[in-house]
Amino acid sequence: MPGGFYISHTIAAMPAFNEERYIARIILNSKKHVDNVVVVDDGSSDYTAQIAEAMGAHVIRHEKNQGYGAALRSCFKTARELNATEMVIIDSDGQHDPDDIPKLLEPLGNGADLVIGSRFLNGNGKNIPAYRKVGMKVLDTATNFAAATNVSDTQSGYRAYGKKAIEKISINDDDMSAGSEILMQVNKHDLAFKEVEIHCNYNVDKTSTQNPVSHGVKVLVKILKDIELKRPLFYFTVPGLILTVIGILVGVILLQIVSAGGQLPFGPTLFVVITILIGTFSAFTGIILHSMARLSFEFNSNNKSRTKYIYK
């Protein structure tokens, strides 16, 4: 910051895989709103990278296709290397309108760290195919539950990130679940987020290299695994203890009935046994997973500290 002045450096970054048909137009229209355009060519076999370079974009090449998450990881890494203060992630396949970039950037100047372009705000989304909409809502519910957020379009790839988010967000997933993974870090890093309305074009020839059903299932499975591993005490132990307490209370009532001379009813008795067994199993599962997560964290932390000491 020479002379004490804050210098803004805004980039538009786009993962790209065999997008030679659309990439030039997206770069050209994005350049109107940002300082630099970054294209991560994720192992394309066509002229995507060459066209991007000819258009003046900063091109990062993956020798082979690694997946959307890996491309996003390169976007964030490059943004940090370029010392970007703002970064917009935009699809390179023609679905997103680059003229929406100012709309996403505006909230970053008003305190937001992350801005999500939503296809569902203000009754929007009527042009989205029904089968996609159903899948999106399932993933929205799962992601919001896991991330403890309330986002109307968790699977939107059209997003803007401020300096804090660029520095803090870390992407481990290589596939399409990376979008959900990012939202799971919102509360962890205390990131302020906002949604703005966008429109998507679904009339392009190829909107995804993956079957939307298999893609949706893979993302959902990954979200459920994250729920299992990241907050086991909340999602396993607490519900397990509640079930166990309910089972014990019902059991006490049944014992009172028997002590008063009544007969032990089969249905409620089976309910007590099953509830206590499931509750106890769930509670101990959460404790074990939590212990494993703590051990893994301590092991990784010790390794990092040891590495720093060796290379100091």
C-alpha atoms as a PDB file:
ATOM      1  CA  MET A   1       0.000   0.000   0.000  1.00  0.00           C
ATOM      2  CA  PRO A   2       2.349   2.748  -1.226  1.00  0.00           C
ATOM      3  CA  GLY A   3       1.850   6.105   0.438  1.00  0.00           C
ATOM      4  CA  GLY A   4      -0.733   4.633   2.807  1.00  0.00           C
ATOM      5  CA  PHE A   5      -3.359   4.277   0.092  1.00  0.00           C
ATOM      6  CA  TYR A   6      -5.410   1.093  -0.285  1.00  0.00           C
ATOM      7  CA  ILE A   7      -4.914  -0.393  -3.741  1.00  0.00           C
ATOM      8  CA  SER A   8      -7.692  -2.688  -4.937  1.00  0.00           C
ATOM      9  CA  HIS A   9      -6.842  -5.531  -7.269  1.00  0.00           C
ATOM     10  CA  THR A  10      -9.876  -7.368  -8.595  1.00  0.00           C
ATOM     11  CA  ILE A  11      -9.668 -10.553 -10.635  1.00  0.00           C
ATOM     12  CA  ALA A  12     -12.170 -12.785 -12.374  1.00  0.00           C
ATOM     13  CA  ALA A  13     -11.114 -16.431 -12.155  1.00  0.00           C
ATOM     14  CA  MET A  14     -12.670 -19.251 -14.146  1.00  0.00           C
ATOM     15  CA  PRO A  15     -12.115 -23.005 -14.094  1.00  0.00           C
ATOM     16  CA  ALA A  16     -12.153 -24.261 -17.690  1.00  0.00           C
ATOM     17  CA  PHE A  17     -12.264 -27.683 -19.306  1.00  0.00           C
ATOM     18  CA  ASN A  18     -12.668 -27.866 -23.088  1.00  0.00           C
ATOM     19  CA  GLU A  19     -14.432 -24.495 -23.352  1.00  0.00           C
ATOM     20  CA  GLU A  20     -12.868 -23.180 -26.593  1.00  0.00           C
ATOM     21  CA  ARG A  21     -16.307 -22.238 -27.891  1.00  0.00           C
ATOM     22  CA  TYR A  22     -17.188 -19.804 -25.095  1.00  0.00           C
ATOM     23  CA  ILE A  23     -13.946 -18.841 -23.342  1.00  0.00           C
ATOM     24  CA  ALA A  24     -13.067 -15.823 -25.531  1.00  0.00           C
ATOM     25  CA  ARG A  25     -16.465 -14.165 -25.024  1.00  0.00           C
ATOM     26  CA  ILE A  26     -16.429 -14.765 -21.262  1.00  0.00           C
ATOM     27  CA  ILE A  27     -12.911 -13.342 -20.918  1.00  0.00           C
ATOM     28  CA  LEU A  28     -13.699 -10.310 -23.097  1.00  0.00           C
ATOM     29  CA  ASN A  29     -16.871  -9.435 -21.185  1.00  0.00           C
ATOM     30  CA  SER A  30     -15.262 -10.085 -17.793  1.00  0.00           C
ATOM     31  CA  LYS A  31     -12.366  -7.748 -18.555  1.00  0.00           C
ATOM     32  CA  LYS A  32     -14.776  -4.812 -18.547  1.00  0.00           C
ATOM     33  CA  HIS A  33     -15.328  -5.224 -14.800  1.00  0.00           C
ATOM     34  CA  VAL A  34     -12.014  -6.471 -13.326  1.00  0.00           C
ATOM     35  CA  ASP A  35      -8.291  -5.735 -13.395  1.00  0.00           C
ATOM     36  CA  ASN A  36      -7.187  -9.217 -14.473  1.00  0.00           C
ATOM     37  CA  VAL A  37      -8.707 -12.463 -15.712  1.00  0.00           C
ATOM     38  CA  VAL A  38      -7.347 -15.816 -14.537  1.00  0.00           C
ATOM     39  CA  VAL A  39      -8.169 -19.010 -16.418  1.00  0.00           C
ATOM     40  CA  VAL A  40      -7.393 -22.384 -14.852  1.00  0.00           C
ATOM     41  CA  ASP A  41      -7.227 -24.819 -17.755  1.00  0.00           C
ATOM     42  CA  ASP A  42      -8.041 -28.148 -16.122  1.00  0.00           C
ATOM     43  CA  GLY A  43      -6.419 -30.504 -18.612  1.00  0.00           C
ATOM     44  CA  SER A  44      -8.333 -29.404 -21.725  1.00  0.00           C
ATOM     45  CA  SER A  45      -7.706 -31.306 -24.947  1.00  0.00           C
ATOM     46  CA  ASP A  46      -8.906 -28.439 -27.169  1.00  0.00           C
ATOM     47  CA  TYR A  47      -7.642 -24.855 -27.664  1.00  0.00           C
ATOM     48  CA  THR A  48      -9.045 -23.424 -24.417  1.00  0.00           C
ATOM     49  CA  ALA A  49      -5.641 -22.457 -22.983  1.00  0.00           C
ATOM     50  CA  GLN A  50      -4.307 -21.029 -26.256  1.00  0.00           C
ATOM     51  CA  ILE A  51      -7.393 -18.873 -26.787  1.00  0.00           C
ATOM     52  CA  ALA A  52      -7.272 -17.650 -23.178  1.00  0.00           C
ATOM     53  CA  GLU A  53      -3.628 -16.657 -23.556  1.00  0.00           C
ATOM     54  CA  ALA A  54      -4.364 -14.893 -26.841  1.00  0.00           C
ATOM     55  CA  MET A  55      -7.102 -12.939 -25.058  1.00  0.00           C
ATOM     56  CA  GLY A  56      -4.579 -11.735 -22.467  1.00  0.00           C
ATOM     57  CA  ALA A  57      -5.722 -13.920 -19.565  1.00  0.00           C
ATOM     58  CA  HIS A  58      -3.361 -15.214 -16.892  1.00  0.00           C
ATOM     59  CA  VAL A  59      -3.481 -18.960 -17.619  1.00  0.00           C
ATOM     60  CA  ILE A  60      -2.749 -21.746 -15.139  1.00  0.00           C
ATOM     61  CA  ARG A  61      -2.507 -25.199 -16.713  1.00  0.00           C
ATOM     62  CA  HIS A  62      -3.223 -28.579 -15.178  1.00  0.00           C
ATOM     63  CA  GLU A  63      -1.521 -31.306 -17.204  1.00  0.00           C
ATOM     64  CA  LYS A  64      -4.530 -33.578 -16.711  1.00  0.00           C
ATOM     65  CA  ASN A  65      -8.131 -33.078 -15.665  1.00  0.00           C
ATOM     66  CA  GLN A  66      -8.278 -32.963 -11.865  1.00  0.00           C
ATOM     67  CA  GLY A  67     -11.826 -31.769 -11.237  1.00  0.00           C
ATOM     68  CA  TYR A  68     -13.697 -28.588 -10.391  1.00  0.00           C
ATOM     69  CA  GLY A  69     -12.460 -28.469  -6.794  1.00  0.00           C
ATOM     70  CA  ALA A  70      -8.823 -28.732  -7.875  1.00  0.00           C
ATOM     71  CA  ALA A  71      -9.392 -25.925 -10.393  1.00  0.00           C
ATOM     72  CA  LEU A  72     -10.945 -23.760  -7.653  1.00  0.00           C
ATOM     73  CA  ARG A  73      -7.970 -24.484  -5.421  1.00  0.00           C
ATOM     74  CA  SER A  74      -5.685 -23.144  -8.168  1.00  0.00           C
ATOM     75  CA  CYS A  75      -7.927 -20.065  -8.478  1.00  0.00           C
ATOM     76  CA  PHE A  76      -7.482 -19.249  -4.781  1.00  0.00           C
ATOM     77  CA  LYS A  77      -3.759 -19.991  -4.868  1.00  0.00           C
ATOM     78  CA  THR A  78      -3.283 -17.701  -7.863  1.00  0.00           C
ATOM     79  CA  ALA A  79      -5.386 -14.954  -6.258  1.00  0.00           C
ATOM     80  CA  ARG A  80      -3.099 -15.026  -3.220  1.00  0.00           C
ATOM     81  CA  GLU A  81       0.003 -14.988  -5.418  1.00  0.00           C
ATOM     82  CA  LEU A  82      -1.341 -11.979  -7.334  1.00  0.00           C
ATOM     83  CA  ASN A  83      -2.264 -10.303  -4.033  1.00  0.00           C
ATOM     84  CA  ALA A  84      -5.861  -9.927  -5.207  1.00  0.00           C
ATOM     85  CA  THR A  85      -8.180  -8.040  -2.886  1.00  0.00           C
ATOM     86  CA  GLU A  86     -11.338  -9.293  -4.636  1.00  0.00           C
ATOM     87  CA  MET A  87     -11.991 -12.364  -6.725  1.00  0.00           C
ATOM     88  CA  VAL A  88     -15.050 -13.374  -8.721  1.00  0.00           C
ATOM     89  CA  ILE A  89     -15.416 -17.023  -9.691  1.00  0.00           C
ATOM     90  CA  ILE A  90     -17.375 -17.340 -12.931  1.00  0.00           C
ATOM     91  CA  ASP A  91     -18.160 -20.351 -15.110  1.00  0.00           C
ATOM     92  CA  SER A  92     -16.418 -20.463 -18.475  1.00  0.00           C
ATOM     93  CA  ASP A  93     -19.166 -22.390 -20.279  1.00  0.00           C
ATOM     94  CA  GLY A  94     -21.508 -19.470 -20.980  1.00  0.00           C
ATOM     95  CA  GLN A  95     -24.002 -20.091 -18.159  1.00  0.00           C
ATOM     96  CA  HIS A  96     -23.047 -16.980 -16.182  1.00  0.00           C
ATOM     97  CA  ASP A  97     -23.428 -13.428 -17.439  1.00  0.00           C
ATOM     98  CA  PRO A  98     -20.181 -11.467 -16.874  1.00  0.00           C
ATOM     99  CA  ASP A  99     -22.212  -8.261 -16.692  1.00  0.00           C
ATOM    100  CA  ASP A 100     -23.450  -9.491 -13.289  1.00  0.00           C
ATOM    101  CA  ILE A 101     -19.901  -9.127 -11.898  1.00  0.00           C
ATOM    102  CA  PRO A 102     -20.453  -5.571 -10.505  1.00  0.00           C
ATOM    103  CA  LYS A 103     -23.561  -6.849  -8.733  1.00  0.00           C
ATOM    104  CA  LEU A 104     -21.471  -9.478  -6.944  1.00  0.00           C
ATOM    105  CA  LEU A 105     -18.592  -7.124  -6.163  1.00  0.00           C
ATOM    106  CA  GLU A 106     -20.699  -4.352  -4.635  1.00  0.00           C
ATOM    107  CA  PRO A 107     -21.444  -6.074  -1.279  1.00  0.00           C
ATOM    108  CA  LEU A 108     -17.707  -6.740  -0.791  1.00  0.00           C
ATOM    109  CA  GLY A 109     -17.295  -3.000  -0.347  1.00  0.00           C
ATOM    110  CA  ASN A 110     -20.037  -2.979   2.287  1.00  0.00           C
ATOM    111  CA  GLY A 111     -18.670  -5.536   4.737  1.00  0.00           C
ATOM    112  CA  ALA A 112     -19.327  -8.865   3.019  1.00  0.00           C
ATOM    113  CA  ASP A 113     -16.496 -11.392   2.720  1.00  0.00           C
ATOM    114  CA  LEU A 114     -18.377 -13.759   0.423  1.00  0.00           C
ATOM    115  CA  VAL A 115     -21.128 -12.961  -2.071  1.00  0.00           C
ATOM    116  CA  ILE A 116     -23.179 -15.760  -3.621  1.00  0.00           C
ATOM    117  CA  GLY A 117     -25.029 -15.338  -6.881  1.00  0.00           C
ATOM    118  CA  SER A 118     -28.386 -16.977  -6.201  1.00  0.00           C
ATOM    119  CA  ARG A 119     -30.668 -18.420  -8.865  1.00  0.00           C
ATOM    120  CA  PHE A 120     -33.591 -18.562  -6.426  1.00  0.00           C
ATOM    121  CA  LEU A 121     -33.884 -15.101  -4.868  1.00  0.00           C
ATOM    122  CA  ASN A 122     -37.053 -13.042  -5.424  1.00  0.00           C
ATOM    123  CA  GLY A 123     -38.966 -15.933  -6.996  1.00  0.00           C
ATOM    124  CA  ASN A 124     -36.231 -16.448  -9.554  1.00  0.00           C
ATOM    125  CA  GLY A 125     -35.329 -19.866 -11.000  1.00  0.00           C
ATOM    126  CA  LYS A 126     -38.297 -20.477 -13.277  1.00  0.00           C
ATOM    127  CA  ASN A 127     -35.969 -21.245 -16.185  1.00  0.00           C
ATOM    128  CA  ILE A 128     -34.142 -23.984 -14.276  1.00  0.00           C
ATOM    129  CA  PRO A 129     -35.099 -27.512 -15.425  1.00  0.00           C
ATOM    130  CA  ALA A 130     -37.330 -29.255 -12.860  1.00  0.00           C
ATOM    131  CA  TYR A 131     -35.009 -32.226 -12.313  1.00  0.00           C
ATOM    132  CA  ARG A 132     -32.117 -29.855 -11.581  1.00  0.00           C
ATOM    133  CA  LYS A 133     -34.219 -27.789  -9.199  1.00  0.00           C
ATOM    134  CA  VAL A 134     -35.187 -30.847  -7.120  1.00  0.00           C
ATOM    135  CA  GLY A 135     -31.562 -31.968  -6.858  1.00  0.00           C
ATOM    136  CA  MET A 136     -30.413 -28.464  -5.962  1.00  0.00           C
ATOM    137  CA  LYS A 137     -32.936 -28.205  -3.127  1.00  0.00           C
ATOM    138  CA  VAL A 138     -31.796 -31.536  -1.663  1.00  0.00           C
ATOM    139  CA  LEU A 139     -28.182 -30.357  -1.726  1.00  0.00           C
ATOM    140  CA  ASP A 140     -29.183 -26.935  -0.366  1.00  0.00           C
ATOM    141  CA  THR A 141     -30.869 -28.568   2.627  1.00  0.00           C
ATOM    142  CA  ALA A 142     -27.918 -30.870   3.335  1.00  0.00           C
ATOM    143  CA  THR A 143     -25.313 -28.133   2.915  1.00  0.00           C
ATOM    144  CA  ASN A 144     -27.167 -25.612   5.080  1.00  0.00           C
ATOM    145  CA  PHE A 145     -27.601 -28.257   7.769  1.00  0.00           C
ATOM    146  CA  ALA A 146     -23.912 -29.198   7.715  1.00  0.00           C
ATOM    147  CA  ALA A 147     -22.645 -25.618   7.464  1.00  0.00           C
ATOM    148  CA  ALA A 148     -25.207 -24.089   9.848  1.00  0.00           C
ATOM    149  CA  THR A 149     -26.025 -21.470   7.221  1.00  0.00           C
ATOM    150  CA  ASN A 150     -29.160 -20.285   5.461  1.00  0.00           C
ATOM    151  CA  VAL A 151     -28.240 -19.949   1.787  1.00  0.00           C
ATOM    152  CA  SER A 152     -30.894 -20.159  -0.931  1.00  0.00           C
ATOM    153  CA  ASP A 153     -28.488 -21.457  -3.592  1.00  0.00           C
ATOM    154  CA  THR A 154     -25.601 -23.388  -2.022  1.00  0.00           C
ATOM    155  CA  GLN A 155     -24.574 -24.938  -5.361  1.00  0.00           C
ATOM    156  CA  SER A 156     -24.104 -21.682  -7.233  1.00  0.00           C
ATOM    157  CA  GLY A 157     -20.615 -21.386  -8.668  1.00  0.00           C
ATOM    158  CA  TYR A 158     -20.956 -17.660  -9.361  1.00  0.00           C
ATOM    159  CA  ARG A 159     -19.409 -16.091  -6.265  1.00  0.00           C
ATOM    160  CA  ALA A 160     -17.258 -13.162  -5.175  1.00  0.00           C
ATOM    161  CA  TYR A 161     -14.647 -13.328  -2.420  1.00  0.00           C
ATOM    162  CA  GLY A 162     -13.043 -10.520  -0.444  1.00  0.00           C
ATOM    163  CA  LYS A 163      -9.464 -10.450   0.847  1.00  0.00           C
ATOM    164  CA  LYS A 164     -10.275 -12.232   4.111  1.00  0.00           C
ATOM    165  CA  ALA A 165     -12.063 -15.082   2.335  1.00  0.00           C
ATOM    166  CA  ILE A 166      -9.279 -15.408  -0.250  1.00  0.00           C
ATOM    167  CA  GLU A 167      -6.730 -15.790   2.540  1.00  0.00           C
ATOM    168  CA  LYS A 168      -8.765 -18.046   4.848  1.00  0.00           C
ATOM    169  CA  ILE A 169     -10.617 -20.499   2.601  1.00  0.00           C
ATOM    170  CA  SER A 170      -8.892 -23.817   1.999  1.00  0.00           C
ATOM    171  CA  ILE A 171     -10.209 -26.350  -0.521  1.00  0.00           C
ATOM    172  CA  ASN A 172      -9.452 -30.052  -0.105  1.00  0.00           C
ATOM    173  CA  ASP A 173     -12.110 -31.647  -2.325  1.00  0.00           C
ATOM    174  CA  ASP A 174     -11.231 -32.094  -5.988  1.00  0.00           C
ATOM    175  CA  ASP A 175     -14.766 -32.518  -7.298  1.00  0.00           C
ATOM    176  CA  MET A 176     -17.986 -30.509  -7.450  1.00  0.00           C
ATOM    177  CA  SER A 177     -18.514 -30.776  -3.683  1.00  0.00           C
ATOM    178  CA  ALA A 178     -15.954 -27.976  -3.256  1.00  0.00           C
ATOM    179  CA  GLY A 179     -18.765 -25.394  -3.399  1.00  0.00           C
ATOM    180  CA  SER A 180     -20.384 -26.925  -0.329  1.00  0.00           C
ATOM    181  CA  GLU A 181     -16.998 -27.347   1.352  1.00  0.00           C
ATOM    182  CA  ILE A 182     -16.416 -23.597   1.090  1.00  0.00           C
ATOM    183  CA  LEU A 183     -19.742 -22.792   2.774  1.00  0.00           C
ATOM    184  CA  MET A 184     -18.834 -25.127   5.627  1.00  0.00           C
ATOM    185  CA  GLN A 185     -15.948 -22.768   6.388  1.00  0.00           C
ATOM    186  CA  VAL A 186     -18.114 -19.650   6.662  1.00  0.00           C
ATOM    187  CA  ASN A 187     -18.714 -19.931  10.406  1.00  0.00           C
ATOM    188  CA  LYS A 188     -15.264 -21.392  11.087  1.00  0.00           C
ATOM    189  CA  HIS A 189     -13.561 -18.281   9.687  1.00  0.00           C
ATOM    190  CA  ASP A 190     -16.310 -15.846  10.729  1.00  0.00           C
ATOM    191  CA  LEU A 191     -17.004 -14.788   7.151  1.00  0.00           C
ATOM    192  CA  ALA A 192     -19.890 -12.412   6.474  1.00  0.00           C
ATOM    193  CA  PHE A 193     -21.864 -13.489   3.416  1.00  0.00           C
ATOM    194  CA  LYS A 194     -24.608 -12.070   1.254  1.00  0.00           C
ATOM    195  CA  GLU A 195     -26.661 -13.340  -1.685  1.00  0.00           C
ATOM    196  CA  VAL A 196     -27.539 -11.375  -4.815  1.00  0.00           C
ATOM    197  CA  GLU A 197     -29.896 -12.343  -7.617  1.00  0.00           C
ATOM    198  CA  ILE A 198     -28.409 -13.732 -10.831  1.00  0.00           C
ATOM    199  CA  HIS A 199     -29.752 -15.489 -13.901  1.00  0.00           C
ATOM    200  CA  CYS A 200     -28.235 -18.509 -15.614  1.00  0.00           C
ATOM    201  CA  ASN A 201     -28.347 -19.541 -19.247  1.00  0.00           C
ATOM    202  CA  TYR A 202     -29.175 -23.234 -19.605  1.00  0.00           C
ATOM    203  CA  ASN A 203     -29.377 -23.112 -23.389  1.00  0.00           C
ATOM    204  CA  VAL A 204     -25.662 -23.627 -23.914  1.00  0.00           C
ATOM    205  CA  ASP A 205     -24.623 -26.877 -25.569  1.00  0.00           C
ATOM    206  CA  LYS A 206     -22.799 -28.281 -22.547  1.00  0.00           C
ATOM    207  CA  THR A 207     -23.529 -27.052 -19.042  1.00  0.00           C
ATOM    208  CA  SER A 208     -21.646 -29.826 -17.266  1.00  0.00           C
ATOM    209  CA  THR A 209     -19.184 -32.579 -18.031  1.00  0.00           C
ATOM    210  CA  GLN A 210     -20.933 -34.804 -15.470  1.00  0.00           C
ATOM    211  CA  ASN A 211     -24.323 -36.444 -15.363  1.00  0.00           C
ATOM    212  CA  PRO A 212     -26.361 -34.176 -13.020  1.00  0.00           C
ATOM    213  CA  VAL A 213     -27.831 -37.148 -11.118  1.00  0.00           C
ATOM    214  CA  SER A 214     -24.487 -38.837 -10.419  1.00  0.00           C
ATOM    215  CA  HIS A 215     -22.972 -35.444  -9.645  1.00  0.00           C
ATOM    216  CA  GLY A 216     -25.730 -34.688  -7.142  1.00  0.00           C
ATOM    217  CA  VAL A 217     -25.359 -38.065  -5.427  1.00  0.00           C
ATOM    218  CA  LYS A 218     -21.574 -37.660  -5.136  1.00  0.00           C
ATOM    219  CA  VAL A 219     -21.919 -34.197  -3.618  1.00  0.00           C
ATOM    220  CA  LEU A 220     -24.591 -35.377  -1.166  1.00  0.00           C
ATOM    221  CA  VAL A 221     -22.454 -38.324  -0.032  1.00  0.00           C
ATOM    222  CA  LYS A 222     -19.490 -35.994   0.507  1.00  0.00           C
ATOM    223  CA  ILE A 223     -21.621 -33.581   2.541  1.00  0.00           C
ATOM    224  CA  LEU A 224     -22.871 -36.441   4.730  1.00  0.00           C
ATOM    225  CA  LYS A 225     -19.283 -37.593   5.284  1.00  0.00           C
ATOM    226  CA  ASP A 226     -18.342 -34.064   6.321  1.00  0.00           C
ATOM    227  CA  ILE A 227     -21.255 -34.035   8.764  1.00  0.00           C
ATOM    228  CA  GLU A 228     -20.053 -37.343  10.167  1.00  0.00           C
ATOM    229  CA  LEU A 229     -16.426 -36.322  10.616  1.00  0.00           C
ATOM    230  CA  LYS A 230     -16.488 -32.597  11.408  1.00  0.00           C
ATOM    231  CA  ARG A 231     -19.190 -32.328  14.076  1.00  0.00           C
ATOM    232  CA  PRO A 232     -19.677 -35.856  15.451  1.00  0.00           C
ATOM    233  CA  LEU A 233     -20.599 -34.775  18.976  1.00  0.00           C
ATOM    234  CA  PHE A 234     -23.368 -32.540  17.660  1.00  0.00           C
ATOM    235  CA  TYR A 235     -24.767 -34.936  15.045  1.00  0.00           C
ATOM    236  CA  PHE A 236     -24.229 -38.272  16.842  1.00  0.00           C
ATOM    237  CA  THR A 237     -23.577 -37.944  20.568  1.00  0.00           C
ATOM    238  CA  VAL A 238     -26.229 -35.345  21.429  1.00  0.00           C
ATOM    239  CA  PRO A 239     -29.083 -37.111  19.539  1.00  0.00           C
ATOM    240  CA  GLY A 240     -27.837 -40.424  20.957  1.00  0.00           C
ATOM    241  CA  LEU A 241     -28.015 -39.145  24.522  1.00  0.00           C
ATOM    242  CA  ILE A 242     -31.494 -37.738  23.905  1.00  0.00           C
ATOM    243  CA  LEU A 243     -32.692 -41.113  22.565  1.00  0.00           C
ATOM    244  CA  THR A 244     -31.116 -42.929  25.511  1.00  0.00           C
ATOM    245  CA  VAL A 245     -32.786 -40.626  28.040  1.00  0.00           C
ATOM    246  CA  ILE A 246     -36.167 -41.073  26.302  1.00  0.00           C
ATOM    247  CA  GLY A 247     -35.720 -44.857  26.398  1.00  0.00           C
ATOM    248  CA  ILE A 248     -34.818 -44.801  30.084  1.00  0.00           C
ATOM    249  CA  LEU A 249     -37.779 -42.578  30.986  1.00  0.00           C
ATOM    250  CA  VAL A 250     -40.220 -44.833  29.108  1.00  0.00           C
ATOM    251  CA  GLY A 251     -38.551 -47.839  30.793  1.00  0.00           C
ATOM    252  CA  VAL A 252     -39.102 -46.315  34.229  1.00  0.00           C
ATOM    253  CA  ILE A 253     -42.794 -45.815  33.414  1.00  0.00           C
ATOM    254  CA  LEU A 254     -43.077 -49.453  32.311  1.00  0.00           C
ATOM    255  CA  LEU A 255     -41.402 -50.648  35.529  1.00  0.00           C
ATOM    256  CA  GLN A 256     -43.905 -48.623  37.545  1.00  0.00           C
ATOM    257  CA  ILE A 257     -46.736 -50.323  35.638  1.00  0.00           C
ATOM    258  CA  VAL A 258     -45.258 -53.765  36.371  1.00  0.00           C
ATOM    259  CA  SER A 259     -44.650 -52.949  40.049  1.00  0.00           C
ATOM    260  CA  ALA A 260     -48.299 -51.924  40.308  1.00  0.00           C
ATOM    261  CA  GLY A 261     -49.332 -55.391  39.162  1.00  0.00           C
ATOM    262  CA  GLY A 262     -49.748 -54.703  35.453  1.00  0.00           C
ATOM    263  CA  GLN A 263     -48.315 -56.682  32.536  1.00  0.00           C
ATOM    264  CA  LEU A 264     -45.287 -55.612  30.558  1.00  0.00           C
ATOM    265  CA  PRO A 265     -46.558 -54.522  27.105  1.00  0.00           C
ATOM    266  CA  PHE A 266     -44.523 -55.931  24.209  1.00  0.00           C
ATOM    267  CA  GLY A 267     -44.581 -52.880  21.915  1.00  0.00           C
ATOM    268  CA  PRO A 268     -43.402 -50.248  24.426  1.00  0.00           C
ATOM    269  CA  THR A 269     -40.837 -52.666  25.819  1.00  0.00           C
ATOM    270  CA  LEU A 270     -39.375 -53.246  22.340  1.00  0.00           C
ATOM    271  CA  PHE A 271     -39.359 -49.474  21.838  1.00  0.00           C
ATOM    272  CA  VAL A 272     -37.351 -48.996  25.038  1.00  0.00           C
ATOM    273  CA  VAL A 273     -34.784 -51.636  24.085  1.00  0.00           C
ATOM    274  CA  ILE A 274     -34.315 -50.351  20.535  1.00  0.00           C
ATOM    275  CA  THR A 275     -34.194 -46.690  21.614  1.00  0.00           C
ATOM    276  CA  ILE A 276     -31.572 -47.310  24.292  1.00  0.00           C
ATOM    277  CA  LEU A 277     -29.454 -49.478  21.981  1.00  0.00           C
ATOM    278  CA  ILE A 278     -29.533 -46.993  19.089  1.00  0.00           C
ATOM    279  CA  GLY A 279     -29.017 -44.025  21.415  1.00  0.00           C
ATOM    280  CA  THR A 280     -26.061 -45.623  23.187  1.00  0.00           C
ATOM    281  CA  PHE A 281     -24.481 -46.714  19.900  1.00  0.00           C
ATOM    282  CA  SER A 282     -24.910 -43.232  18.402  1.00  0.00           C
ATOM    283  CA  ALA A 283     -23.499 -41.505  21.488  1.00  0.00           C
ATOM    284  CA  PHE A 284     -20.393 -43.703  21.593  1.00  0.00           C
ATOM    285  CA  THR A 285     -19.953 -43.390  17.801  1.00  0.00           C
ATOM    286  CA  GLY A 286     -19.861 -39.610  18.158  1.00  0.00           C
ATOM    287  CA  ILE A 287     -17.335 -39.789  20.997  1.00  0.00           C
ATOM    288  CA  ILE A 288     -15.088 -42.171  19.037  1.00  0.00           C
ATOM    289  CA  LEU A 289     -15.258 -40.047  15.863  1.00  0.00           C
ATOM    290  CA  HIS A 290     -14.551 -36.919  17.905  1.00  0.00           C
ATOM    291  CA  SER A 291     -11.513 -38.563  19.504  1.00  0.00           C
ATOM    292  CA  MET A 292     -10.254 -39.706  16.093  1.00  0.00           C
ATOM    293  CA  ALA A 293     -10.686 -36.195  14.706  1.00  0.00           C
ATOM    294  CA  ARG A 294      -8.787 -34.703  17.670  1.00  0.00           C
ATOM    295  CA  LEU A 295      -5.953 -37.218  17.286  1.00  0.00           C
ATOM    296  CA  SER A 296      -5.784 -36.525  13.542  1.00  0.00           C
ATOM    297  CA  PHE A 297      -5.679 -32.763  14.178  1.00  0.00           C
ATOM    298  CA  GLU A 298      -2.943 -33.105  16.815  1.00  0.00           C
ATOM    299  CA  PHE A 299      -0.946 -35.429  14.551  1.00  0.00           C
ATOM    300  CA  ASN A 300      -1.148 -32.984  11.624  1.00  0.00           C
ATOM    301  CA  SER A 301      -0.303 -30.030  13.893  1.00  0.00           C
ATOM    302  CA  ASN A 302       2.742 -31.835  15.315  1.00  0.00           C
ATOM    303  CA  ASN A 303       3.926 -32.723  11.824  1.00  0.00           C
ATOM    304  CA  LYS A 304       3.568 -29.105  10.691  1.00  0.00           C
ATOM    305  CA  SER A 305       5.457 -27.867  13.755  1.00  0.00           C
ATOM    306  CA  ARG A 306       8.193 -30.435  13.187  1.00  0.00           C
ATOM    307  CA  THR A 307       8.481 -29.425   9.528  1.00  0.00           C
ATOM    308  CA  LYS A 308       8.789 -25.742  10.472  1.00  0.00           C
ATOM    309  CA  TYR A 309      11.490 -26.595  13.027  1.00  0.00           C
ATOM    310  CA  ILE A 310      13.487 -28.691  10.536  1.00  0.00           C
ATOM    311  CA  TYR A 311      13.436 -26.042   7.826  1.00  0.00           C
ATOM    312  CA  LYS A 312      13.758 -23.026  10.067  1.00  0.00           C
END
